[in-house]
Amino acid sequence: MDAKKVLEETGGDFEKSAKILMEKGLAKLSKRSDKSAGEGLVFSYIHSGAKVGSLVLLGCETDFVAKTEEFQKLGKEIAMQVATEEYADVLALTNAEYVRDGSKKIGDLIKESVAKLGEKIEIRAFTRYSVK
């Protein structure tokens, strides 16, 4: 219903509507900042050749959201990103340029998912393994 309403307000402009909906989602995020992301899943990535791999613990508020396709995709993308280099901490990872799209940061991917899913999502832990 929100999408339909915004589309009507913008005269059918899809790009403008998407931007407005994203801003509304980010506003919801600030209201949820004190919530606990006690649920979630562990994601793994093994690069071809099996010389580099990673594990990521991605947290969310409910088990329901953890099972969604959007959350699953986000977890896999972050696990792949972790395998690309050594990150000092979560802040360094969230500020890193996304390997699939240099115009975005990992933090942007998380914000987009938060806007779509309506729950707090956070990287709780990660590790990278390398044979070399």
C-alpha atoms as a PDB file:
ATOM      1  CA  MET A   1       0.000   0.000   0.000  1.00  0.00           C
ATOM      2  CA  ASP A   2       2.869   2.368   0.757  1.00  0.00           C
ATOM      3  CA  ALA A   3       4.318   1.777  -2.701  1.00  0.00           C
ATOM      4  CA  LYS A   4       0.998   2.467  -4.401  1.00  0.00           C
ATOM      5  CA  LYS A   5       0.461   5.631  -2.378  1.00  0.00           C
ATOM      6  CA  VAL A   6       3.958   6.956  -3.137  1.00  0.00           C
ATOM      7  CA  LEU A   7       3.568   6.132  -6.842  1.00  0.00           C
ATOM      8  CA  GLU A   8       0.362   8.164  -6.908  1.00  0.00           C
ATOM      9  CA  GLU A   9       2.064  11.054  -5.089  1.00  0.00           C
ATOM     10  CA  THR A  10       4.947  11.107  -7.593  1.00  0.00           C
ATOM     11  CA  GLY A  11       2.752  10.792 -10.667  1.00  0.00           C
ATOM     12  CA  GLY A  12       4.036   7.302 -11.484  1.00  0.00           C
ATOM     13  CA  ASP A  13       7.758   8.183 -11.318  1.00  0.00           C
ATOM     14  CA  PHE A  14       9.324   4.842 -10.277  1.00  0.00           C
ATOM     15  CA  GLU A  15      12.794   6.197  -9.464  1.00  0.00           C
ATOM     16  CA  LYS A  16      11.477   9.027  -7.301  1.00  0.00           C
ATOM     17  CA  SER A  17       9.062   6.627  -5.588  1.00  0.00           C
ATOM     18  CA  ALA A  18      11.847   4.145  -4.816  1.00  0.00           C
ATOM     19  CA  LYS A  19      13.954   6.914  -3.301  1.00  0.00           C
ATOM     20  CA  ILE A  20      11.080   8.082  -1.083  1.00  0.00           C
ATOM     21  CA  LEU A  21      10.353   4.530   0.068  1.00  0.00           C
ATOM     22  CA  MET A  22      14.037   3.966   0.881  1.00  0.00           C
ATOM     23  CA  GLU A  23      14.121   7.168   2.953  1.00  0.00           C
ATOM     24  CA  LYS A  24      11.025   6.032   4.862  1.00  0.00           C
ATOM     25  CA  GLY A  25      12.707   2.695   5.526  1.00  0.00           C
ATOM     26  CA  LEU A  26      15.847   4.403   6.831  1.00  0.00           C
ATOM     27  CA  ALA A  27      13.701   6.532   9.127  1.00  0.00           C
ATOM     28  CA  LYS A  28      12.279   3.313  10.564  1.00  0.00           C
ATOM     29  CA  LEU A  29      15.857   2.088  11.077  1.00  0.00           C
ATOM     30  CA  SER A  30      16.698   4.981  13.391  1.00  0.00           C
ATOM     31  CA  LYS A  31      13.649   4.098  15.514  1.00  0.00           C
ATOM     32  CA  ARG A  32      14.868   0.485  15.800  1.00  0.00           C
ATOM     33  CA  SER A  33      18.463   1.289  16.780  1.00  0.00           C
ATOM     34  CA  ASP A  34      17.847   0.275  20.397  1.00  0.00           C
ATOM     35  CA  LYS A  35      16.399  -3.122  19.402  1.00  0.00           C
ATOM     36  CA  SER A  36      18.398  -6.309  19.856  1.00  0.00           C
ATOM     37  CA  ALA A  37      19.536  -8.270  16.811  1.00  0.00           C
ATOM     38  CA  GLY A  38      19.587 -11.504  18.800  1.00  0.00           C
ATOM     39  CA  GLU A  39      18.447 -13.775  15.972  1.00  0.00           C
ATOM     40  CA  GLY A  40      20.248 -14.378  12.679  1.00  0.00           C
ATOM     41  CA  LEU A  41      22.309 -16.896  10.768  1.00  0.00           C
ATOM     42  CA  VAL A  42      25.896 -17.884  10.044  1.00  0.00           C
ATOM     43  CA  PHE A  43      26.976 -17.584   6.407  1.00  0.00           C
ATOM     44  CA  SER A  44      30.043 -19.046   4.721  1.00  0.00           C
ATOM     45  CA  TYR A  45      31.908 -18.470   1.488  1.00  0.00           C
ATOM     46  CA  ILE A  46      34.675 -20.556  -0.076  1.00  0.00           C
ATOM     47  CA  HIS A  47      36.436 -18.989  -3.047  1.00  0.00           C
ATOM     48  CA  SER A  48      37.183 -21.129  -6.109  1.00  0.00           C
ATOM     49  CA  GLY A  49      40.339 -23.131  -5.513  1.00  0.00           C
ATOM     50  CA  ALA A  50      39.422 -23.464  -1.840  1.00  0.00           C
ATOM     51  CA  LYS A  51      42.388 -21.379  -0.643  1.00  0.00           C
ATOM     52  CA  VAL A  52      40.290 -18.572   0.892  1.00  0.00           C
ATOM     53  CA  GLY A  53      37.057 -18.687   2.854  1.00  0.00           C
ATOM     54  CA  SER A  54      35.021 -16.765   5.387  1.00  0.00           C
ATOM     55  CA  LEU A  55      32.338 -17.033   8.046  1.00  0.00           C
ATOM     56  CA  VAL A  56      29.910 -14.239   8.955  1.00  0.00           C
ATOM     57  CA  LEU A  57      27.406 -14.051  11.806  1.00  0.00           C
ATOM     58  CA  LEU A  58      24.657 -11.728  10.590  1.00  0.00           C
ATOM     59  CA  GLY A  59      22.113 -10.718  13.214  1.00  0.00           C
ATOM     60  CA  CYS A  60      18.499  -9.580  12.918  1.00  0.00           C
ATOM     61  CA  GLU A  61      15.569  -9.173  15.300  1.00  0.00           C
ATOM     62  CA  THR A  62      13.453 -12.216  14.390  1.00  0.00           C
ATOM     63  CA  ASP A  63      13.867 -15.716  13.052  1.00  0.00           C
ATOM     64  CA  PHE A  64      11.207 -14.892  10.449  1.00  0.00           C
ATOM     65  CA  VAL A  65      13.424 -12.257   8.814  1.00  0.00           C
ATOM     66  CA  ALA A  66      16.477 -14.524   9.031  1.00  0.00           C
ATOM     67  CA  LYS A  67      14.677 -16.980   6.748  1.00  0.00           C
ATOM     68  CA  THR A  68      13.807 -14.431   4.044  1.00  0.00           C
ATOM     69  CA  GLU A  69      15.443 -14.452   0.630  1.00  0.00           C
ATOM     70  CA  GLU A  70      16.612 -10.844   1.102  1.00  0.00           C
ATOM     71  CA  PHE A  71      18.434 -11.645   4.358  1.00  0.00           C
ATOM     72  CA  GLN A  72      19.951 -14.817   2.875  1.00  0.00           C
ATOM     73  CA  LYS A  73      21.273 -12.883  -0.127  1.00  0.00           C
ATOM     74  CA  LEU A  74      22.744 -10.177   2.105  1.00  0.00           C
ATOM     75  CA  GLY A  75      24.534 -12.751   4.258  1.00  0.00           C
ATOM     76  CA  LYS A  76      26.066 -14.465   1.234  1.00  0.00           C
ATOM     77  CA  GLU A  77      27.231 -11.158  -0.256  1.00  0.00           C
ATOM     78  CA  ILE A  78      28.858 -10.077   3.005  1.00  0.00           C
ATOM     79  CA  ALA A  79      30.583 -13.461   3.401  1.00  0.00           C
ATOM     80  CA  MET A  80      31.981 -13.108  -0.126  1.00  0.00           C
ATOM     81  CA  GLN A  81      33.175  -9.578   0.690  1.00  0.00           C
ATOM     82  CA  VAL A  82      34.953 -10.774   3.846  1.00  0.00           C
ATOM     83  CA  ALA A  83      36.923 -13.285   1.771  1.00  0.00           C
ATOM     84  CA  THR A  84      38.326 -10.498  -0.429  1.00  0.00           C
ATOM     85  CA  GLU A  85      40.670  -9.009   2.181  1.00  0.00           C
ATOM     86  CA  GLU A  86      41.561  -8.734   5.873  1.00  0.00           C
ATOM     87  CA  TYR A  87      39.242  -6.278   7.649  1.00  0.00           C
ATOM     88  CA  ALA A  88      40.270  -4.967  11.058  1.00  0.00           C
ATOM     89  CA  ASP A  89      36.748  -4.811  12.485  1.00  0.00           C
ATOM     90  CA  VAL A  90      33.044  -4.470  11.644  1.00  0.00           C
ATOM     91  CA  LEU A  91      33.361  -0.722  11.050  1.00  0.00           C
ATOM     92  CA  ALA A  92      36.127  -1.257   8.490  1.00  0.00           C
ATOM     93  CA  LEU A  93      33.996  -3.889   6.753  1.00  0.00           C
ATOM     94  CA  THR A  94      30.839  -1.763   6.630  1.00  0.00           C
ATOM     95  CA  ASN A  95      32.838   1.161   5.222  1.00  0.00           C
ATOM     96  CA  ALA A  96      34.481  -1.038   2.561  1.00  0.00           C
ATOM     97  CA  GLU A  97      33.637  -0.591  -1.104  1.00  0.00           C
ATOM     98  CA  TYR A  98      31.332  -3.389  -2.249  1.00  0.00           C
ATOM     99  CA  VAL A  99      33.252  -5.626  -4.680  1.00  0.00           C
ATOM    100  CA  ARG A 100      30.282  -6.111  -7.026  1.00  0.00           C
ATOM    101  CA  ASP A 101      29.395  -2.406  -7.227  1.00  0.00           C
ATOM    102  CA  GLY A 102      32.025   0.209  -6.411  1.00  0.00           C
ATOM    103  CA  SER A 103      29.383   2.904  -6.010  1.00  0.00           C
ATOM    104  CA  LYS A 104      28.134   1.207  -2.817  1.00  0.00           C
ATOM    105  CA  LYS A 105      29.612   0.274   0.516  1.00  0.00           C
ATOM    106  CA  ILE A 106      28.739  -2.828   2.540  1.00  0.00           C
ATOM    107  CA  GLY A 107      26.923  -0.534   4.966  1.00  0.00           C
ATOM    108  CA  ASP A 108      24.703   0.596   2.075  1.00  0.00           C
ATOM    109  CA  LEU A 109      23.720  -3.020   1.370  1.00  0.00           C
ATOM    110  CA  ILE A 110      22.746  -3.453   5.004  1.00  0.00           C
ATOM    111  CA  LYS A 111      20.703  -0.224   4.997  1.00  0.00           C
ATOM    112  CA  GLU A 112      18.876  -1.298   1.831  1.00  0.00           C
ATOM    113  CA  SER A 113      17.953  -4.618   3.438  1.00  0.00           C
ATOM    114  CA  VAL A 114      16.847  -2.900   6.641  1.00  0.00           C
ATOM    115  CA  ALA A 115      14.600  -0.623   4.599  1.00  0.00           C
ATOM    116  CA  LYS A 116      13.050  -3.616   2.818  1.00  0.00           C
ATOM    117  CA  LEU A 117      12.733  -5.923   5.823  1.00  0.00           C
ATOM    118  CA  GLY A 118      11.914  -3.406   8.550  1.00  0.00           C
ATOM    119  CA  GLU A 119      14.256  -4.867  11.158  1.00  0.00           C
ATOM    120  CA  LYS A 120      17.627  -4.024  12.606  1.00  0.00           C
ATOM    121  CA  ILE A 121      20.375  -6.008  10.868  1.00  0.00           C
ATOM    122  CA  GLU A 122      23.977  -6.038  11.997  1.00  0.00           C
ATOM    123  CA  ILE A 123      27.201  -7.911  11.401  1.00  0.00           C
ATOM    124  CA  ARG A 124      27.882  -9.480  14.796  1.00  0.00           C
ATOM    125  CA  ALA A 125      31.106 -11.332  13.937  1.00  0.00           C
ATOM    126  CA  PHE A 126      33.217 -12.391  10.973  1.00  0.00           C
ATOM    127  CA  THR A 127      36.448 -14.165  10.179  1.00  0.00           C
ATOM    128  CA  ARG A 128      38.521 -14.811   7.064  1.00  0.00           C
ATOM    129  CA  TYR A 129      40.609 -17.922   6.472  1.00  0.00           C
ATOM    130  CA  SER A 130      43.451 -18.213   4.004  1.00  0.00           C
ATOM    131  CA  VAL A 131      45.926 -20.972   3.199  1.00  0.00           C
ATOM    132  CA  LYS A 132      48.676 -18.445   2.468  1.00  0.00           C
END
